[in-house]
Each structure stands twice: as structure tokens, then as C-alpha cells.
PDB file of N, CA and C in Angstrom:
ATOM      1  N   UNK A   1       5.031   8.591  11.512  1.00  0.00           N
ATOM      2  CA  UNK A   1       6.222   8.065  11.032  1.00  0.00           C
ATOM      3  C   UNK A   1       5.924   6.505  11.715  1.00  0.00           C
ATOM      4  N   UNK A   2       6.235   5.565  10.916  1.00  0.00           N
ATOM      5  CA  UNK A   2       5.898   3.877  11.321  1.00  0.00           C
ATOM      6  C   UNK A   2       6.826   3.558  12.287  1.00  0.00           C
ATOM      7  N   UNK A   3       6.236   2.591  13.508  1.00  0.00           N
ATOM      8  CA  UNK A   3       7.137   2.373  14.338  1.00  0.00           C
ATOM      9  C   UNK A   3       8.475   1.610  13.692  1.00  0.00           C
ATOM     10  N   UNK A   4       8.434   1.151  12.769  1.00  0.00           N
ATOM     11  CA  UNK A   4       9.788   0.014  12.643  1.00  0.00           C
ATOM     12  C   UNK A   4      10.631   1.468  11.945  1.00  0.00           C
ATOM     13  N   UNK A   5      11.558   2.195  12.766  1.00  0.00           N
ATOM     14  CA  UNK A   5      12.189   3.341  12.214  1.00  0.00           C
ATOM     15  C   UNK A   5      13.432   2.676  11.734  1.00  0.00           C
ATOM     16  N   UNK A   6      13.460   3.004  10.504  1.00  0.00           N
ATOM     17  CA  UNK A   6      15.254   2.928   9.716  1.00  0.00           C
ATOM     18  C   UNK A   6      15.966   3.307  10.034  1.00  0.00           C
ATOM     19  N   UNK A   7      17.833   2.904   9.827  1.00  0.00           N
ATOM     20  CA  UNK A   7      18.265   3.655  10.754  1.00  0.00           C
ATOM     21  C   UNK A   7      18.653   4.927   9.548  1.00  0.00           C
ATOM     22  N   UNK A   8      19.644   5.052  10.139  1.00  0.00           N
ATOM     23  CA  UNK A   8      19.884   6.844   9.184  1.00  0.00           C
ATOM     24  C   UNK A   8      21.358   6.302   8.109  1.00  0.00           C
ATOM     25  N   UNK A   9      22.443   4.930   9.102  1.00  0.00           N
ATOM     26  CA  UNK A   9      23.621   4.913   8.051  1.00  0.00           C
ATOM     27  C   UNK A   9      22.930   3.467   7.865  1.00  0.00           C
ATOM     28  N   UNK A  10      23.435   3.267   6.175  1.00  0.00           N
ATOM     29  CA  UNK A  10      23.256   1.878   5.962  1.00  0.00           C
ATOM     30  C   UNK A  10      23.859   0.676   6.594  1.00  0.00           C
ATOM     31  N   UNK A  11      23.465   0.050   6.450  1.00  0.00           N
ATOM     32  CA  UNK A  11      24.130  -1.244   7.546  1.00  0.00           C
ATOM     33  C   UNK A  11      24.929  -2.506   6.475  1.00  0.00           C
ATOM     34  N   UNK A  12      24.429  -1.762   4.624  1.00  0.00           N
ATOM     35  CA  UNK A  12      25.317  -2.927   4.093  1.00  0.00           C
ATOM     36  C   UNK A  12      24.512  -1.885   3.136  1.00  0.00           C
ATOM     37  N   UNK A  13      26.541  -1.874   2.280  1.00  0.00           N
ATOM     38  CA  UNK A  13      26.318  -1.284   0.683  1.00  0.00           C
ATOM     39  C   UNK A  13      27.306  -2.882  -0.222  1.00  0.00           C
ATOM     40  N   UNK A  14      26.613  -2.590  -1.231  1.00  0.00           N
ATOM     41  CA  UNK A  14      26.689  -3.319  -2.325  1.00  0.00           C
ATOM     42  C   UNK A  14      26.889  -2.736  -2.841  1.00  0.00           C
ATOM     43  N   UNK A  15      27.788  -3.532  -4.350  1.00  0.00           N
ATOM     44  CA  UNK A  15      28.747  -2.500  -5.224  1.00  0.00           C
ATOM     45  C   UNK A  15      27.726  -2.965  -6.395  1.00  0.00           C
ATOM     46  N   UNK A  16      26.914  -2.065  -7.317  1.00  0.00           N
ATOM     47  CA  UNK A  16      26.356  -2.214  -8.408  1.00  0.00           C
ATOM     48  C   UNK A  16      26.523  -2.154  -9.214  1.00  0.00           C
ATOM     49  N   UNK A  17      27.459  -2.677  -9.930  1.00  0.00           N
ATOM     50  CA  UNK A  17      28.241  -2.813 -11.198  1.00  0.00           C
ATOM     51  C   UNK A  17      27.559  -4.117 -11.572  1.00  0.00           C
ATOM     52  N   UNK A  18      26.648  -4.586 -12.686  1.00  0.00           N
ATOM     53  CA  UNK A  18      26.789  -5.477 -13.064  1.00  0.00           C
ATOM     54  C   UNK A  18      25.628  -6.645 -12.289  1.00  0.00           C
ATOM     55  N   UNK A  19      24.331  -5.691 -11.302  1.00  0.00           N
ATOM     56  CA  UNK A  19      23.615  -6.343 -10.611  1.00  0.00           C
ATOM     57  C   UNK A  19      22.057  -6.071 -11.382  1.00  0.00           C
ATOM     58  N   UNK A  20      21.611  -7.046 -11.309  1.00  0.00           N
ATOM     59  CA  UNK A  20      20.155  -7.382 -11.846  1.00  0.00           C
ATOM     60  C   UNK A  20      20.064  -6.630 -10.827  1.00  0.00           C
ATOM     61  N   UNK A  21      18.581  -5.469 -10.715  1.00  0.00           N
ATOM     62  CA  UNK A  21      17.538  -4.782  -9.594  1.00  0.00           C
ATOM     63  C   UNK A  21      16.936  -5.717  -9.483  1.00  0.00           C
ATOM     64  N   UNK A  22      16.241  -6.580 -10.313  1.00  0.00           N
ATOM     65  CA  UNK A  22      14.550  -7.161 -10.015  1.00  0.00           C
ATOM     66  C   UNK A  22      15.398  -8.230  -8.998  1.00  0.00           C
ATOM     67  N   UNK A  23      16.709  -9.054  -9.716  1.00  0.00           N
ATOM     68  CA  UNK A  23      16.771 -10.202  -8.530  1.00  0.00           C
ATOM     69  C   UNK A  23      17.351  -9.536  -6.588  1.00  0.00           C
ATOM     70  N   UNK A  24      18.025  -8.290  -6.629  1.00  0.00           N
ATOM     71  CA  UNK A  24      18.019  -8.055  -5.901  1.00  0.00           C
ATOM     72  C   UNK A  24      16.955  -7.730  -5.395  1.00  0.00           C
ATOM     73  N   UNK A  25      16.083  -6.931  -5.599  1.00  0.00           N
ATOM     74  CA  UNK A  25      14.835  -6.544  -5.025  1.00  0.00           C
ATOM     75  C   UNK A  25      14.293  -8.052  -4.453  1.00  0.00           C
ATOM     76  N   UNK A  26      13.693  -9.244  -5.206  1.00  0.00           N
ATOM     77  CA  UNK A  26      13.019 -10.158  -5.148  1.00  0.00           C
ATOM     78  C   UNK A  26      14.480 -11.034  -3.222  1.00  0.00           C
ATOM     79  N   UNK A  27      15.280 -11.418  -3.387  1.00  0.00           N
ATOM     80  CA  UNK A  27      16.450 -11.259  -2.334  1.00  0.00           C
ATOM     81  C   UNK A  27      16.177 -10.693  -1.415  1.00  0.00           C
ATOM     82  N   UNK A  28      16.558  -9.226  -1.445  1.00  0.00           N
ATOM     83  CA  UNK A  28      16.180  -8.298  -0.213  1.00  0.00           C
ATOM     84  C   UNK A  28      14.512  -8.613   0.377  1.00  0.00           C
ATOM     85  N   UNK A  29      13.529  -9.156  -0.795  1.00  0.00           N
ATOM     86  CA  UNK A  29      11.975  -9.419   0.086  1.00  0.00           C
ATOM     87  C   UNK A  29      11.932 -10.950   1.157  1.00  0.00           C
ATOM     88  N   UNK A  30      12.392 -11.313   0.075  1.00  0.00           N
ATOM     89  CA  UNK A  30      12.755 -12.837   1.116  1.00  0.00           C
ATOM     90  C   UNK A  30      13.508 -12.822   2.472  1.00  0.00           C
ATOM     91  N   UNK A  31      14.997 -11.710   2.431  1.00  0.00           N
ATOM     92  CA  UNK A  31      15.137 -11.756   3.672  1.00  0.00           C
ATOM     93  C   UNK A  31      15.321 -11.095   5.079  1.00  0.00           C
ATOM     94  N   UNK A  32      13.866  -9.707   4.568  1.00  0.00           N
ATOM     95  CA  UNK A  32      13.628  -8.744   5.218  1.00  0.00           C
ATOM     96  C   UNK A  32      12.742  -9.088   5.295  1.00  0.00           C
ATOM     97  N   UNK A  33      11.718  -9.218   4.261  1.00  0.00           N
ATOM     98  CA  UNK A  33      10.303  -9.504   4.509  1.00  0.00           C
ATOM     99  C   UNK A  33       9.324  -7.975   4.045  1.00  0.00           C
ATOM    100  N   UNK A  34       8.067  -8.146   4.804  1.00  0.00           N
ATOM    101  CA  UNK A  34       7.382  -6.885   4.875  1.00  0.00           C
ATOM    102  C   UNK A  34       6.531  -7.200   6.037  1.00  0.00           C
ATOM    103  N   UNK A  35       6.279  -6.063   6.783  1.00  0.00           N
ATOM    104  CA  UNK A  35       5.636  -5.375   7.311  1.00  0.00           C
ATOM    105  C   UNK A  35       4.359  -5.856   7.681  1.00  0.00           C
ATOM    106  N   UNK A  36       3.760  -5.790   8.854  1.00  0.00           N
ATOM    107  CA  UNK A  36       2.120  -6.163   8.872  1.00  0.00           C
ATOM    108  C   UNK A  36       0.942  -5.256   7.629  1.00  0.00           C
ATOM    109  N   UNK A  37       1.498  -3.858   7.573  1.00  0.00           N
ATOM    110  CA  UNK A  37       1.204  -2.629   6.996  1.00  0.00           C
ATOM    111  C   UNK A  37       0.937  -3.021   5.292  1.00  0.00           C
ATOM    112  N   UNK A  38       1.994  -4.161   4.696  1.00  0.00           N
ATOM    113  CA  UNK A  38       2.523  -5.150   3.542  1.00  0.00           C
ATOM    114  C   UNK A  38       3.449  -3.927   3.048  1.00  0.00           C
ATOM    115  N   UNK A  39       4.079  -3.004   3.692  1.00  0.00           N
ATOM    116  CA  UNK A  39       5.453  -2.565   3.145  1.00  0.00           C
ATOM    117  C   UNK A  39       6.778  -2.989   3.749  1.00  0.00           C
ATOM    118  N   UNK A  40       8.219  -3.069   2.341  1.00  0.00           N
ATOM    119  CA  UNK A  40       8.535  -3.415   2.906  1.00  0.00           C
ATOM    120  C   UNK A  40       9.632  -3.216   4.699  1.00  0.00           C
ATOM    121  N   UNK A  41      10.539  -4.190   5.067  1.00  0.00           N
ATOM    122  CA  UNK A  41      10.897  -4.052   6.106  1.00  0.00           C
ATOM    123  C   UNK A  41      12.619  -3.608   5.752  1.00  0.00           C
ATOM    124  N   UNK A  42      12.678  -2.915   4.854  1.00  0.00           N
ATOM    125  CA  UNK A  42      13.671  -2.368   4.363  1.00  0.00           C
ATOM    126  C   UNK A  42      13.632  -0.938   3.788  1.00  0.00           C
ATOM    127  N   UNK A  43      14.709  -0.383   3.343  1.00  0.00           N
ATOM    128  CA  UNK A  43      14.731   0.759   2.349  1.00  0.00           C
ATOM    129  C   UNK A  43      15.994   0.913   1.350  1.00  0.00           C
ATOM    130  N   UNK A  44      16.299   1.096   0.156  1.00  0.00           N
ATOM    131  CA  UNK A  44      17.752   0.575  -0.571  1.00  0.00           C
ATOM    132  C   UNK A  44      17.317   1.572  -1.228  1.00  0.00           C
ATOM    133  N   UNK A  45      18.732   2.468  -2.049  1.00  0.00           N
ATOM    134  CA  UNK A  45      19.287   2.975  -2.248  1.00  0.00           C
ATOM    135  C   UNK A  45      20.232   2.895  -3.253  1.00  0.00           C
ATOM    136  N   UNK A  46      20.038   3.424  -4.313  1.00  0.00           N
ATOM    137  CA  UNK A  46      20.756   3.045  -5.454  1.00  0.00           C
ATOM    138  C   UNK A  46      21.910   4.841  -5.863  1.00  0.00           C
ATOM    139  N   UNK A  47      23.292   4.860  -5.073  1.00  0.00           N
ATOM    140  CA  UNK A  47      24.073   6.203  -5.428  1.00  0.00           C
ATOM    141  C   UNK A  47      24.975   5.744  -5.972  1.00  0.00           C
ATOM    142  N   UNK A  48      25.700   6.608  -6.672  1.00  0.00           N
ATOM    143  CA  UNK A  48      27.199   6.273  -7.024  1.00  0.00           C
ATOM    144  C   UNK A  48      27.421   4.764  -7.641  1.00  0.00           C
ATOM    145  N   UNK A  49      26.725   3.602  -8.412  1.00  0.00           N
ATOM    146  CA  UNK A  49      26.915   2.680  -8.182  1.00  0.00           C
ATOM    147  C   UNK A  49      27.073   2.269  -7.247  1.00  0.00           C
ATOM    148  N   UNK A  50      26.477   2.200  -5.866  1.00  0.00           N
ATOM    149  CA  UNK A  50      26.651   1.428  -5.050  1.00  0.00           C
ATOM    150  C   UNK A  50      24.274   1.350  -4.212  1.00  0.00           C
ATOM    151  N   UNK A  51      25.207   0.072  -4.018  1.00  0.00           N
ATOM    152  CA  UNK A  51      23.517   0.111  -3.244  1.00  0.00           C
ATOM    153  C   UNK A  51      23.217  -0.012  -2.093  1.00  0.00           C
ATOM    154  N   UNK A  52      22.571   0.941  -1.184  1.00  0.00           N
ATOM    155  CA  UNK A  52      22.892   1.485  -0.219  1.00  0.00           C
ATOM    156  C   UNK A  52      21.657   0.626   0.368  1.00  0.00           C
ATOM    157  N   UNK A  53      21.647  -0.426   1.803  1.00  0.00           N
ATOM    158  CA  UNK A  53      20.573  -1.085   2.431  1.00  0.00           C
ATOM    159  C   UNK A  53      20.385  -0.407   3.819  1.00  0.00           C
ATOM    160  N   UNK A  54      18.863  -0.258   3.800  1.00  0.00           N
ATOM    161  CA  UNK A  54      19.051   0.216   5.219  1.00  0.00           C
ATOM    162  C   UNK A  54      17.384  -0.818   5.732  1.00  0.00           C
ATOM    163  N   UNK A  55      18.267  -2.255   6.390  1.00  0.00           N
ATOM    164  CA  UNK A  55      16.625  -2.533   7.644  1.00  0.00           C
ATOM    165  C   UNK A  55      16.196  -1.538   8.093  1.00  0.00           C
ATOM    166  N   UNK A  56      15.004  -2.351   8.752  1.00  0.00           N
ATOM    167  CA  UNK A  56      14.255  -1.491   9.694  1.00  0.00           C
ATOM    168  C   UNK A  56      14.278  -2.162  11.475  1.00  0.00           C
ATOM    169  N   UNK A  57      14.606  -1.795  11.942  1.00  0.00           N
ATOM    170  CA  UNK A  57      14.776  -1.749  13.190  1.00  0.00           C
ATOM    171  C   UNK A  57      14.409  -3.640  13.858  1.00  0.00           C
ATOM    172  N   UNK A  58      13.393  -4.039  13.400  1.00  0.00           N
ATOM    173  CA  UNK A  58      12.786  -5.695  13.728  1.00  0.00           C
ATOM    174  C   UNK A  58      13.678  -7.044  12.626  1.00  0.00           C
ATOM    175  N   UNK A  59      14.851  -6.630  11.532  1.00  0.00           N
ATOM    176  CA  UNK A  59      15.388  -7.708  10.640  1.00  0.00           C
ATOM    177  C   UNK A  59      16.877  -6.855  10.993  1.00  0.00           C
ATOM    178  N   UNK A  60      17.027  -6.004  12.113  1.00  0.00           N
ATOM    179  CA  UNK A  60      18.667  -5.382  11.597  1.00  0.00           C
ATOM    180  C   UNK A  60      19.855  -6.326  11.617  1.00  0.00           C
ATOM    181  N   UNK A  61      19.810  -7.924  12.311  1.00  0.00           N
ATOM    182  CA  UNK A  61      20.380  -8.570  12.469  1.00  0.00           C
ATOM    183  C   UNK A  61      20.788  -9.532  11.283  1.00  0.00           C
ATOM    184  N   UNK A  62      19.667  -9.016  10.376  1.00  0.00           N
ATOM    185  CA  UNK A  62      19.830 -10.179   8.764  1.00  0.00           C
ATOM    186  C   UNK A  62      20.543  -8.943   7.536  1.00  0.00           C
ATOM    187  N   UNK A  63      21.475  -9.790   7.435  1.00  0.00           N
ATOM    188  CA  UNK A  63      22.664  -9.237   6.238  1.00  0.00           C
ATOM    189  C   UNK A  63      22.503 -10.035   5.233  1.00  0.00           C
ATOM    190  N   UNK A  64      22.588  -9.672   3.930  1.00  0.00           N
ATOM    191  CA  UNK A  64      23.435 -10.636   2.874  1.00  0.00           C
ATOM    192  C   UNK A  64      24.831 -11.172   2.584  1.00  0.00           C
ATOM    193  N   UNK A  65      24.821 -12.522   2.134  1.00  0.00           N
ATOM    194  CA  UNK A  65      26.267 -13.049   2.815  1.00  0.00           C
ATOM    195  C   UNK A  65      26.726 -12.588   1.272  1.00  0.00           C
ATOM    196  N   UNK A  66      27.761 -12.587   1.016  1.00  0.00           N
ATOM    197  CA  UNK A  66      28.027 -12.835  -0.084  1.00  0.00           C
ATOM    198  C   UNK A  66      27.807 -13.766  -1.665  1.00  0.00           C
ATOM    199  N   UNK A  67      27.184 -15.095  -0.941  1.00  0.00           N
ATOM    200  CA  UNK A  67      26.902 -15.707  -2.465  1.00  0.00           C
ATOM    201  C   UNK A  67      25.366 -15.483  -2.663  1.00  0.00           C
ATOM    202  N   UNK A  68      24.679 -14.546  -2.019  1.00  0.00           N
ATOM    203  CA  UNK A  68      23.396 -14.119  -2.443  1.00  0.00           C
ATOM    204  C   UNK A  68      23.505 -12.742  -2.874  1.00  0.00           C
ATOM    205  N   UNK A  69      24.256 -12.487  -2.677  1.00  0.00           N
ATOM    206  CA  UNK A  69      24.982 -10.778  -3.669  1.00  0.00           C
ATOM    207  C   UNK A  69      25.337 -11.473  -5.233  1.00  0.00           C
ATOM    208  N   UNK A  70      26.270 -12.321  -4.986  1.00  0.00           N
ATOM    209  CA  UNK A  70      26.742 -12.949  -6.106  1.00  0.00           C
ATOM    210  C   UNK A  70      25.374 -13.416  -7.157  1.00  0.00           C
ATOM    211  N   UNK A  71      24.697 -14.502  -6.744  1.00  0.00           N
ATOM    212  CA  UNK A  71      23.529 -14.937  -7.406  1.00  0.00           C
ATOM    213  C   UNK A  71      22.829 -13.729  -8.281  1.00  0.00           C
ATOM    214  N   UNK A  72      23.151 -12.442  -7.531  1.00  0.00           N
ATOM    215  CA  UNK A  72      22.060 -10.888  -8.172  1.00  0.00           C
ATOM    216  C   UNK A  72      23.478 -10.613  -9.393  1.00  0.00           C
ATOM    217  N   UNK A  73      24.285 -11.299  -9.491  1.00  0.00           N
ATOM    218  CA  UNK A  73      24.832 -10.642 -10.499  1.00  0.00           C
ATOM    219  C   UNK A  73      24.700 -11.061 -11.719  1.00  0.00           C
ATOM    220  N   UNK A  74      24.725  -9.927 -12.971  1.00  0.00           N
ATOM    221  CA  UNK A  74      24.026 -10.307 -13.810  1.00  0.00           C
ATOM    222  C   UNK A  74      24.891 -11.652 -15.306  1.00  0.00           C
ATOM    223  N   UNK A  75      26.013 -11.372 -14.853  1.00  0.00           N
ATOM    224  CA  UNK A  75      27.272 -12.604 -14.818  1.00  0.00           C
ATOM    225  C   UNK A  75      27.660 -12.705 -13.871  1.00  0.00           C
ATOM    226  N   UNK A  76      28.551 -13.854 -13.869  1.00  0.00           N
ATOM    227  CA  UNK A  76      28.845 -14.400 -12.601  1.00  0.00           C
ATOM    228  C   UNK A  76      30.972 -14.112 -12.997  1.00  0.00           C
ATOM    229  N   UNK A  77      31.389 -13.928 -11.462  1.00  0.00           N
ATOM    230  CA  UNK A  77      33.087 -13.749 -11.618  1.00  0.00           C
ATOM    231  C   UNK A  77      33.486 -15.179 -11.708  1.00  0.00           C
ATOM    232  N   UNK A  78      34.723 -15.232 -12.966  1.00  0.00           N
ATOM    233  CA  UNK A  78      34.959 -16.596 -12.044  1.00  0.00           C
ATOM    234  C   UNK A  78      36.767 -16.581 -11.790  1.00  0.00           C
TER     235      UNK A  78
END
């Protein structure tokens, strides 16, 4: 097991409807980054049309803003 353990409960849950997965993964990599081993500093699950974000302990204080999430949408709400 790696030393940056992931939490058991998600830090952030995002509604997945109309969300561009590639944009979300790019955003998560930019916000949370990667470890020295080249692994992501986060885990993401898609269940019941919701993305559950589990960041590692060393980046625990970072969360995605609503503006960042909206930029990942396949269409913009008006």
C-alpha cells in the first residue's frame, strides 16, 4: 500500500449527467497532480451517475470549484 492513503469516504461528489469524462480527468490531474511514482494523487468512481472524488491525504485541502465543474460539462447551463 502506498503512503498517501486514500480516504474511505469521498471528499467531493459531482453529478455526472452531461459531464465530459476527458475534461474531468484533465482537471483532476491539474488540481491534484501525480505522485513521484507517476500515479494520480486521487481516485475517482462513477456510480449511479455521480462522480466520487477521493484525493490522497497530501492534497486533501484541494477541491474543485463549481466553475471548474461547469467547464467540464458537455453543454453549459443558462
